């Protein structure tokens, strides 16, 4: 049987859970602090982790953040995919984005809502402080693959 003393703590706990859920829903974590710790992100300077690209598929162009820029979170991410040597358009449904580390984490589904045409545009991506290495894989309409690895160094607020 429920009495006034039991209902109040339950309501309080539910209220705290709802507040925490709402607060975390407002933050668009592309990579959570827990994931950054789990992958054991590299230390040092981003210059040692220069972006590399390879493949006969679409071009993967990181327009923002700029190379060697050290943005603060939240940051704008703008990645363009353009026809490569084959001349074929990118097949955005083949996109795969992975946080690279001791344990790799697929973050593709977090980016699906930010795909606009052949671009990914995230206006306010939350990333924890540190260096984050991302592997971006995509194919063109003929199945030609391309891969690019980028490093983003996020500085403290």
N, C-alpha and C. Protein backbone atom coordinates (compact mmCIF):
# COMPACT_ATOMS: atom_id res chain seq x y z
N UNK A 1 0.85 -1.18 0.00
CA UNK A 1 0.00 0.00 0.00
C UNK A 1 0.89 1.24 0.00
N UNK A 2 0.60 2.20 -0.90
CA UNK A 2 1.40 3.41 -1.00
C UNK A 2 0.88 4.46 -0.03
N UNK A 3 1.81 5.11 0.64
CA UNK A 3 1.40 6.21 1.50
C UNK A 3 2.16 7.47 1.05
N UNK A 4 1.88 8.56 1.66
CA UNK A 4 2.50 9.82 1.29
C UNK A 4 4.00 9.80 1.36
N UNK A 5 4.55 9.03 2.30
CA UNK A 5 6.01 8.98 2.46
C UNK A 5 6.68 8.23 1.31
N UNK A 6 6.04 7.28 0.72
CA UNK A 6 6.63 6.49 -0.36
C UNK A 6 6.47 7.19 -1.71
N UNK A 7 5.35 7.85 -1.92
CA UNK A 7 5.08 8.50 -3.20
C UNK A 7 6.04 9.65 -3.44
N UNK A 8 6.33 10.48 -2.45
CA UNK A 8 7.21 11.63 -2.62
C UNK A 8 8.60 11.23 -3.12
N UNK A 9 9.27 10.23 -2.51
CA UNK A 9 10.59 9.85 -3.03
C UNK A 9 10.53 9.33 -4.47
N UNK A 10 9.49 8.59 -4.82
CA UNK A 10 9.37 8.07 -6.19
C UNK A 10 9.20 9.21 -7.16
N UNK A 11 8.34 10.17 -6.84
CA UNK A 11 8.13 11.33 -7.71
C UNK A 11 9.42 12.12 -7.85
N UNK A 12 10.15 12.30 -6.77
CA UNK A 12 11.41 13.03 -6.80
C UNK A 12 12.42 12.33 -7.70
N UNK A 13 12.56 11.02 -7.56
CA UNK A 13 13.50 10.26 -8.39
C UNK A 13 13.11 10.35 -9.85
N UNK A 14 11.83 10.20 -10.16
CA UNK A 14 11.38 10.30 -11.55
C UNK A 14 11.64 11.70 -12.11
N UNK A 15 11.43 12.72 -11.30
CA UNK A 15 11.70 14.09 -11.74
C UNK A 15 13.16 14.30 -12.06
N UNK A 16 14.05 13.77 -11.24
CA UNK A 16 15.50 13.89 -11.48
C UNK A 16 15.86 13.16 -12.76
N UNK A 17 15.33 11.95 -12.98
CA UNK A 17 15.62 11.20 -14.21
C UNK A 17 15.15 11.98 -15.43
N UNK A 18 13.94 12.55 -15.38
CA UNK A 18 13.44 13.33 -16.50
C UNK A 18 14.30 14.55 -16.78
N UNK A 19 14.73 15.25 -15.72
CA UNK A 19 15.59 16.42 -15.91
C UNK A 19 16.91 16.03 -16.53
N UNK A 20 17.52 14.94 -16.06
CA UNK A 20 18.79 14.49 -16.61
C UNK A 20 18.63 14.07 -18.07
N UNK A 21 17.54 13.39 -18.40
CA UNK A 21 17.30 12.96 -19.77
C UNK A 21 17.11 14.17 -20.67
N UNK A 22 16.34 15.16 -20.21
CA UNK A 22 16.12 16.37 -21.01
C UNK A 22 17.42 17.12 -21.22
N UNK A 23 18.23 17.28 -20.19
CA UNK A 23 19.49 18.00 -20.31
C UNK A 23 20.42 17.30 -21.28
N UNK A 24 20.51 15.96 -21.19
CA UNK A 24 21.41 15.25 -22.08
C UNK A 24 20.86 15.23 -23.50
N UNK A 25 19.54 15.27 -23.67
CA UNK A 25 18.96 15.29 -25.00
C UNK A 25 19.25 16.62 -25.70
N UNK A 26 19.35 17.71 -24.93
CA UNK A 26 19.65 19.01 -25.51
C UNK A 26 21.09 19.09 -26.00
N UNK A 27 21.97 18.32 -25.40
CA UNK A 27 23.37 18.29 -25.82
C UNK A 27 23.50 17.25 -26.91
N UNK A 28 24.05 17.64 -28.05
CA UNK A 28 24.20 16.73 -29.17
C UNK A 28 25.61 16.18 -29.17
N UNK A 29 25.85 15.21 -28.30
CA UNK A 29 27.17 14.62 -28.19
C UNK A 29 27.45 13.78 -29.42
N UNK A 30 28.44 14.17 -30.20
CA UNK A 30 28.90 13.35 -31.32
C UNK A 30 29.77 12.23 -30.76
N UNK A 31 30.58 12.58 -29.78
CA UNK A 31 31.40 11.62 -29.04
C UNK A 31 31.21 11.97 -27.56
N UNK A 32 30.81 11.01 -26.76
CA UNK A 32 30.61 11.29 -25.34
C UNK A 32 31.94 11.22 -24.60
N UNK A 33 32.03 11.87 -23.45
CA UNK A 33 33.26 11.78 -22.65
C UNK A 33 33.61 10.33 -22.30
N UNK A 34 32.58 9.52 -22.04
CA UNK A 34 32.82 8.11 -21.70
C UNK A 34 33.43 7.36 -22.88
N UNK A 35 32.95 7.64 -24.08
CA UNK A 35 33.51 6.99 -25.27
C UNK A 35 34.94 7.43 -25.52
N UNK A 36 35.20 8.71 -25.35
CA UNK A 36 36.56 9.22 -25.54
C UNK A 36 37.53 8.52 -24.59
N UNK A 37 37.10 8.31 -23.35
CA UNK A 37 37.94 7.61 -22.38
C UNK A 37 38.11 6.14 -22.77
N UNK A 38 37.05 5.55 -23.28
CA UNK A 38 37.09 4.12 -23.63
C UNK A 38 37.99 3.83 -24.81
N UNK A 39 38.04 4.73 -25.81
CA UNK A 39 38.88 4.46 -26.98
C UNK A 39 40.34 4.79 -26.72
N UNK A 40 40.62 5.45 -25.60
CA UNK A 40 41.98 5.85 -25.25
C UNK A 40 42.57 6.71 -26.36
N UNK A 41 42.01 7.90 -26.51
CA UNK A 41 42.42 8.83 -27.55
C UNK A 41 43.91 9.13 -27.46
N UNK A 42 44.54 9.39 -28.61
CA UNK A 42 45.97 9.68 -28.61
C UNK A 42 46.27 11.00 -27.91
N UNK A 43 47.49 11.13 -27.45
CA UNK A 43 47.94 12.38 -26.86
C UNK A 43 48.96 13.00 -27.80
N UNK A 44 49.39 14.20 -27.52
CA UNK A 44 50.37 14.85 -28.36
C UNK A 44 49.72 15.92 -29.20
N UNK A 45 50.34 16.18 -30.35
CA UNK A 45 49.87 17.25 -31.21
C UNK A 45 49.18 16.68 -32.43
N UNK A 46 48.21 17.41 -32.94
CA UNK A 46 47.48 17.00 -34.13
C UNK A 46 48.40 16.91 -35.34
N UNK A 47 49.50 17.66 -35.36
CA UNK A 47 50.41 17.62 -36.50
C UNK A 47 50.92 16.21 -36.74
N UNK A 48 50.99 15.40 -35.69
CA UNK A 48 51.43 14.02 -35.84
C UNK A 48 50.33 13.14 -36.42
N UNK A 49 49.11 13.63 -36.50
CA UNK A 49 47.97 12.85 -36.97
C UNK A 49 47.34 13.50 -38.20
N UNK A 50 48.18 13.88 -39.15
CA UNK A 50 47.70 14.59 -40.34
C UNK A 50 46.66 13.74 -41.07
N UNK A 51 45.67 14.42 -41.60
CA UNK A 51 44.59 13.76 -42.31
C UNK A 51 45.13 13.01 -43.53
N UNK A 52 44.70 11.77 -43.70
CA UNK A 52 45.11 10.98 -44.85
C UNK A 52 43.88 10.58 -45.64
N UNK A 53 44.03 10.47 -46.94
CA UNK A 53 42.91 10.09 -47.79
C UNK A 53 43.40 9.08 -48.82
N UNK A 54 42.51 8.13 -49.18
CA UNK A 54 42.86 7.19 -50.23
C UNK A 54 41.59 6.61 -50.81
N UNK A 55 41.70 6.13 -52.05
CA UNK A 55 40.57 5.45 -52.69
C UNK A 55 40.22 6.06 -54.02
N UNK A 56 39.49 5.28 -54.81
CA UNK A 56 39.08 5.71 -56.14
C UNK A 56 37.65 6.22 -56.16
N UNK A 57 37.02 6.28 -55.00
CA UNK A 57 35.64 6.74 -54.89
C UNK A 57 35.55 8.25 -54.69
N UNK A 58 34.52 8.69 -54.00
CA UNK A 58 34.27 10.12 -53.81
C UNK A 58 35.40 10.83 -53.05
N UNK A 59 35.54 12.12 -53.33
CA UNK A 59 36.44 12.95 -52.53
C UNK A 59 35.76 13.22 -51.20
N UNK A 60 36.53 13.18 -50.13
CA UNK A 60 36.02 13.49 -48.79
C UNK A 60 36.74 14.76 -48.35
N UNK A 61 36.00 15.86 -48.32
CA UNK A 61 36.60 17.17 -48.07
C UNK A 61 36.11 17.70 -46.72
N UNK A 62 37.03 17.87 -45.78
CA UNK A 62 36.68 18.41 -44.47
C UNK A 62 36.82 19.93 -44.56
N UNK A 63 35.68 20.60 -44.62
CA UNK A 63 35.68 22.07 -44.73
C UNK A 63 35.76 22.73 -43.36
N UNK A 64 35.21 22.07 -42.36
CA UNK A 64 35.25 22.60 -41.00
C UNK A 64 35.17 21.45 -40.02
N UNK A 65 35.99 21.39 -38.99
CA UNK A 65 37.02 22.37 -38.63
C UNK A 65 38.21 22.32 -39.60
N UNK A 66 38.87 23.44 -39.72
CA UNK A 66 40.04 23.56 -40.60
C UNK A 66 41.20 22.75 -40.05
N UNK A 67 42.09 22.35 -40.95
CA UNK A 67 43.28 21.59 -40.54
C UNK A 67 44.08 22.40 -39.53
N UNK A 68 44.54 21.75 -38.51
CA UNK A 68 45.37 22.31 -37.44
C UNK A 68 44.66 23.37 -36.60
N UNK A 69 43.37 23.54 -36.79
CA UNK A 69 42.57 24.42 -35.95
C UNK A 69 42.23 23.66 -34.67
N UNK A 70 42.20 24.33 -33.55
CA UNK A 70 41.87 23.70 -32.27
C UNK A 70 40.58 24.31 -31.74
N UNK A 71 39.44 23.84 -32.23
CA UNK A 71 38.16 24.44 -31.83
C UNK A 71 37.76 24.06 -30.40
N UNK A 72 36.80 24.81 -29.88
CA UNK A 72 36.17 24.51 -28.60
C UNK A 72 34.82 23.88 -28.89
N UNK A 73 34.35 23.09 -27.95
CA UNK A 73 33.05 22.45 -28.09
C UNK A 73 31.97 23.39 -27.54
N UNK A 74 30.81 23.49 -28.16
CA UNK A 74 30.39 22.80 -29.37
C UNK A 74 31.03 23.43 -30.61
N UNK A 75 31.27 22.60 -31.62
CA UNK A 75 31.92 23.08 -32.83
C UNK A 75 31.11 22.73 -34.06
N UNK A 76 31.37 23.45 -35.13
CA UNK A 76 30.70 23.19 -36.40
C UNK A 76 31.53 22.18 -37.18
N UNK A 77 30.85 21.17 -37.70
CA UNK A 77 31.50 20.18 -38.56
C UNK A 77 30.82 20.25 -39.92
N UNK A 78 31.65 20.37 -40.96
CA UNK A 78 31.13 20.41 -42.33
C UNK A 78 32.05 19.54 -43.18
N UNK A 79 31.50 18.43 -43.65
CA UNK A 79 32.24 17.50 -44.50
C UNK A 79 31.48 17.37 -45.81
N UNK A 80 32.18 17.62 -46.92
CA UNK A 80 31.58 17.53 -48.25
C UNK A 80 32.07 16.27 -48.95
N UNK A 81 31.19 15.64 -49.69
CA UNK A 81 31.52 14.46 -50.49
C UNK A 81 31.24 14.81 -51.94
N UNK A 82 32.27 14.73 -52.78
CA UNK A 82 32.15 15.12 -54.18
C UNK A 82 32.62 13.98 -55.07
N UNK A 83 32.17 13.97 -56.34
CA UNK A 83 32.63 12.92 -57.24
C UNK A 83 34.16 12.90 -57.32
N UNK A 84 34.73 11.71 -57.30
CA UNK A 84 36.18 11.54 -57.42
C UNK A 84 36.58 11.24 -58.85
N UNK A 85 37.61 10.44 -59.01
CA UNK A 85 38.13 10.11 -60.34
C UNK A 85 37.10 9.43 -61.23
N UNK A 86 36.20 8.68 -60.64
CA UNK A 86 35.19 7.96 -61.43
C UNK A 86 34.13 8.90 -62.00
N UNK A 87 33.98 10.07 -61.40
CA UNK A 87 32.95 11.01 -61.82
C UNK A 87 31.57 10.68 -61.26
N UNK A 88 31.46 9.59 -60.50
CA UNK A 88 30.19 9.15 -59.93
C UNK A 88 29.87 9.91 -58.63
N UNK A 89 28.60 10.17 -58.41
CA UNK A 89 28.16 10.81 -57.17
C UNK A 89 28.38 9.88 -55.97
N UNK A 90 28.59 10.47 -54.79
CA UNK A 90 28.70 9.65 -53.58
C UNK A 90 27.38 8.96 -53.26
N UNK A 91 27.45 7.74 -52.78
CA UNK A 91 26.27 7.00 -52.31
C UNK A 91 26.23 7.18 -50.80
N UNK A 92 25.48 8.18 -50.34
CA UNK A 92 25.49 8.55 -48.93
C UNK A 92 25.03 7.42 -48.01
N UNK A 93 24.24 6.49 -48.53
CA UNK A 93 23.79 5.36 -47.69
C UNK A 93 24.94 4.41 -47.35
N UNK A 94 26.09 4.54 -48.03
CA UNK A 94 27.25 3.69 -47.72
C UNK A 94 28.19 4.33 -46.70
N UNK A 95 27.86 5.52 -46.24
CA UNK A 95 28.72 6.25 -45.30
C UNK A 95 28.94 5.45 -44.02
N UNK A 96 30.18 5.43 -43.56
CA UNK A 96 30.54 4.80 -42.28
C UNK A 96 31.55 5.71 -41.60
N UNK A 97 31.23 6.18 -40.40
CA UNK A 97 32.13 7.05 -39.63
C UNK A 97 32.44 6.35 -38.31
N UNK A 98 33.74 6.19 -38.03
CA UNK A 98 34.18 5.45 -36.87
C UNK A 98 35.14 6.28 -36.04
N UNK A 99 34.92 6.32 -34.73
CA UNK A 99 35.87 6.89 -33.79
C UNK A 99 36.95 5.84 -33.58
N UNK A 100 38.20 6.18 -33.90
CA UNK A 100 39.30 5.22 -33.87
C UNK A 100 40.01 5.27 -32.53
N UNK A 101 40.29 4.11 -32.00
CA UNK A 101 41.03 4.01 -30.75
C UNK A 101 41.34 2.56 -30.46
N UNK A 102 41.69 2.30 -29.22
CA UNK A 102 41.94 0.93 -28.80
C UNK A 102 40.71 0.08 -29.10
N UNK A 103 39.54 0.68 -28.86
CA UNK A 103 38.26 0.08 -29.24
C UNK A 103 37.59 1.08 -30.19
N UNK A 104 37.34 0.69 -31.44
CA UNK A 104 36.68 1.56 -32.40
C UNK A 104 35.18 1.63 -32.10
N UNK A 105 34.59 2.82 -32.32
CA UNK A 105 33.15 3.01 -32.07
C UNK A 105 32.51 3.62 -33.31
N UNK A 106 31.49 2.95 -33.84
CA UNK A 106 30.75 3.41 -35.01
C UNK A 106 29.81 4.53 -34.58
N UNK A 107 29.99 5.73 -35.14
CA UNK A 107 29.13 6.87 -34.79
C UNK A 107 28.29 7.33 -35.99
N UNK A 108 28.20 6.49 -37.02
CA UNK A 108 27.48 6.85 -38.24
C UNK A 108 26.04 7.26 -37.97
N UNK A 109 25.32 6.48 -37.17
CA UNK A 109 23.90 6.77 -36.94
C UNK A 109 23.68 8.13 -36.29
N UNK A 110 24.64 8.60 -35.52
CA UNK A 110 24.52 9.93 -34.89
C UNK A 110 24.60 11.05 -35.92
N UNK A 111 25.15 10.75 -37.10
CA UNK A 111 25.33 11.76 -38.13
C UNK A 111 24.24 11.74 -39.19
N UNK A 112 23.44 10.70 -39.24
CA UNK A 112 22.44 10.55 -40.32
C UNK A 112 21.49 11.75 -40.41
N UNK A 113 21.07 12.29 -39.28
CA UNK A 113 20.15 13.44 -39.29
C UNK A 113 20.80 14.71 -39.83
N UNK A 114 22.11 14.72 -39.93
CA UNK A 114 22.84 15.92 -40.36
C UNK A 114 23.30 15.83 -41.82
N UNK A 115 22.88 14.78 -42.52
CA UNK A 115 23.22 14.65 -43.93
C UNK A 115 22.27 15.52 -44.73
N UNK A 116 22.86 16.38 -45.55
CA UNK A 116 22.09 17.26 -46.43
C UNK A 116 22.68 17.12 -47.83
N UNK A 117 21.96 16.43 -48.69
CA UNK A 117 22.50 16.15 -50.03
C UNK A 117 23.73 15.27 -49.92
N UNK A 118 24.87 15.79 -50.35
CA UNK A 118 26.12 15.05 -50.25
C UNK A 118 27.07 15.70 -49.24
N UNK A 119 26.50 16.30 -48.22
CA UNK A 119 27.27 16.95 -47.15
C UNK A 119 26.81 16.45 -45.79
N UNK A 120 27.72 16.56 -44.82
CA UNK A 120 27.35 16.42 -43.41
C UNK A 120 27.59 17.78 -42.79
N UNK A 121 26.55 18.35 -42.20
CA UNK A 121 26.66 19.66 -41.56
C UNK A 121 26.09 19.55 -40.15
N UNK A 122 26.98 19.61 -39.15
CA UNK A 122 26.57 19.61 -37.75
C UNK A 122 26.91 21.00 -37.22
N UNK A 123 25.92 21.77 -36.86
CA UNK A 123 26.16 23.15 -36.43
C UNK A 123 26.76 23.25 -35.03
N UNK A 124 26.37 22.38 -34.13
CA UNK A 124 26.88 22.43 -32.75
C UNK A 124 27.14 21.02 -32.24
N UNK A 125 28.24 20.45 -32.65
CA UNK A 125 28.61 19.10 -32.21
C UNK A 125 29.36 19.19 -30.89
N UNK A 126 28.91 18.42 -29.92
CA UNK A 126 29.60 18.35 -28.63
C UNK A 126 30.65 17.25 -28.70
N UNK A 127 31.88 17.62 -28.40
CA UNK A 127 32.98 16.66 -28.29
C UNK A 127 33.76 17.00 -27.04
N UNK A 128 34.21 15.99 -26.31
CA UNK A 128 35.01 16.28 -25.12
C UNK A 128 36.39 16.81 -25.51
N UNK A 129 37.04 17.48 -24.58
CA UNK A 129 38.38 17.98 -24.79
C UNK A 129 39.31 16.83 -25.12
N UNK A 130 40.22 17.06 -26.07
CA UNK A 130 41.19 16.03 -26.43
C UNK A 130 41.28 15.86 -27.93
N UNK A 131 42.05 14.87 -28.35
CA UNK A 131 42.23 14.56 -29.77
C UNK A 131 41.33 13.38 -30.12
N UNK A 132 40.58 13.54 -31.19
CA UNK A 132 39.65 12.50 -31.64
C UNK A 132 39.98 12.15 -33.08
N UNK A 133 40.27 10.88 -33.34
CA UNK A 133 40.56 10.41 -34.70
C UNK A 133 39.31 9.74 -35.25
N UNK A 134 38.91 10.19 -36.44
CA UNK A 134 37.73 9.65 -37.10
C UNK A 134 38.12 9.05 -38.45
N UNK A 135 37.58 7.88 -38.74
CA UNK A 135 37.76 7.26 -40.06
C UNK A 135 36.44 7.40 -40.80
N UNK A 136 36.49 7.98 -41.99
CA UNK A 136 35.30 8.20 -42.80
C UNK A 136 35.43 7.32 -44.04
N UNK A 137 34.47 6.44 -44.26
CA UNK A 137 34.43 5.56 -45.43
C UNK A 137 33.17 5.83 -46.20
N UNK A 138 33.27 5.86 -47.54
CA UNK A 138 32.09 6.04 -48.39
C UNK A 138 32.39 5.46 -49.77
N UNK A 139 31.34 5.06 -50.47
CA UNK A 139 31.46 4.56 -51.84
C UNK A 139 30.69 5.47 -52.76
N UNK A 140 31.05 5.42 -54.05
CA UNK A 140 30.27 6.16 -55.03
C UNK A 140 29.18 5.24 -55.58
N UNK A 141 28.37 5.74 -56.50
CA UNK A 141 27.24 4.98 -57.04
C UNK A 141 27.67 3.70 -57.77
N UNK A 142 28.93 3.65 -58.19
CA UNK A 142 29.45 2.45 -58.86
C UNK A 142 30.14 1.50 -57.89
N UNK A 143 30.19 1.87 -56.60
CA UNK A 143 30.80 1.01 -55.59
C UNK A 143 32.28 1.26 -55.36
N UNK A 144 32.85 2.31 -55.95
CA UNK A 144 34.26 2.64 -55.72
C UNK A 144 34.42 3.27 -54.34
N UNK A 145 35.30 2.71 -53.49
CA UNK A 145 35.42 3.21 -52.12
C UNK A 145 36.45 4.33 -51.95
N UNK A 146 36.24 5.12 -50.94
CA UNK A 146 37.22 6.10 -50.48
C UNK A 146 37.23 6.07 -48.97
N UNK A 147 38.37 6.42 -48.41
CA UNK A 147 38.55 6.44 -46.96
C UNK A 147 39.38 7.65 -46.60
N UNK A 148 39.03 8.28 -45.51
CA UNK A 148 39.82 9.40 -45.00
C UNK A 148 39.84 9.33 -43.49
N UNK A 149 41.02 9.53 -42.93
CA UNK A 149 41.17 9.59 -41.49
C UNK A 149 41.51 11.02 -41.12
N UNK A 150 40.75 11.57 -40.18
CA UNK A 150 40.99 12.95 -39.73
C UNK A 150 41.14 12.96 -38.22
N UNK A 151 41.89 13.94 -37.75
CA UNK A 151 42.05 14.14 -36.31
C UNK A 151 41.54 15.53 -35.96
N UNK A 152 40.75 15.58 -34.91
CA UNK A 152 40.22 16.85 -34.41
C UNK A 152 40.70 17.02 -32.99
N UNK A 153 41.37 18.14 -32.73
CA UNK A 153 41.83 18.44 -31.38
C UNK A 153 40.92 19.51 -30.79
N UNK A 154 40.16 19.13 -29.78
CA UNK A 154 39.22 20.03 -29.13
C UNK A 154 39.88 20.57 -27.88
N UNK A 155 39.89 21.90 -27.75
CA UNK A 155 40.50 22.53 -26.59
C UNK A 155 39.44 22.83 -25.53
N UNK A 156 39.92 23.13 -24.33
CA UNK A 156 39.00 23.42 -23.22
C UNK A 156 38.21 24.68 -23.49
N UNK A 157 36.99 24.72 -22.91
CA UNK A 157 36.11 25.88 -23.08
C UNK A 157 36.68 27.09 -22.43
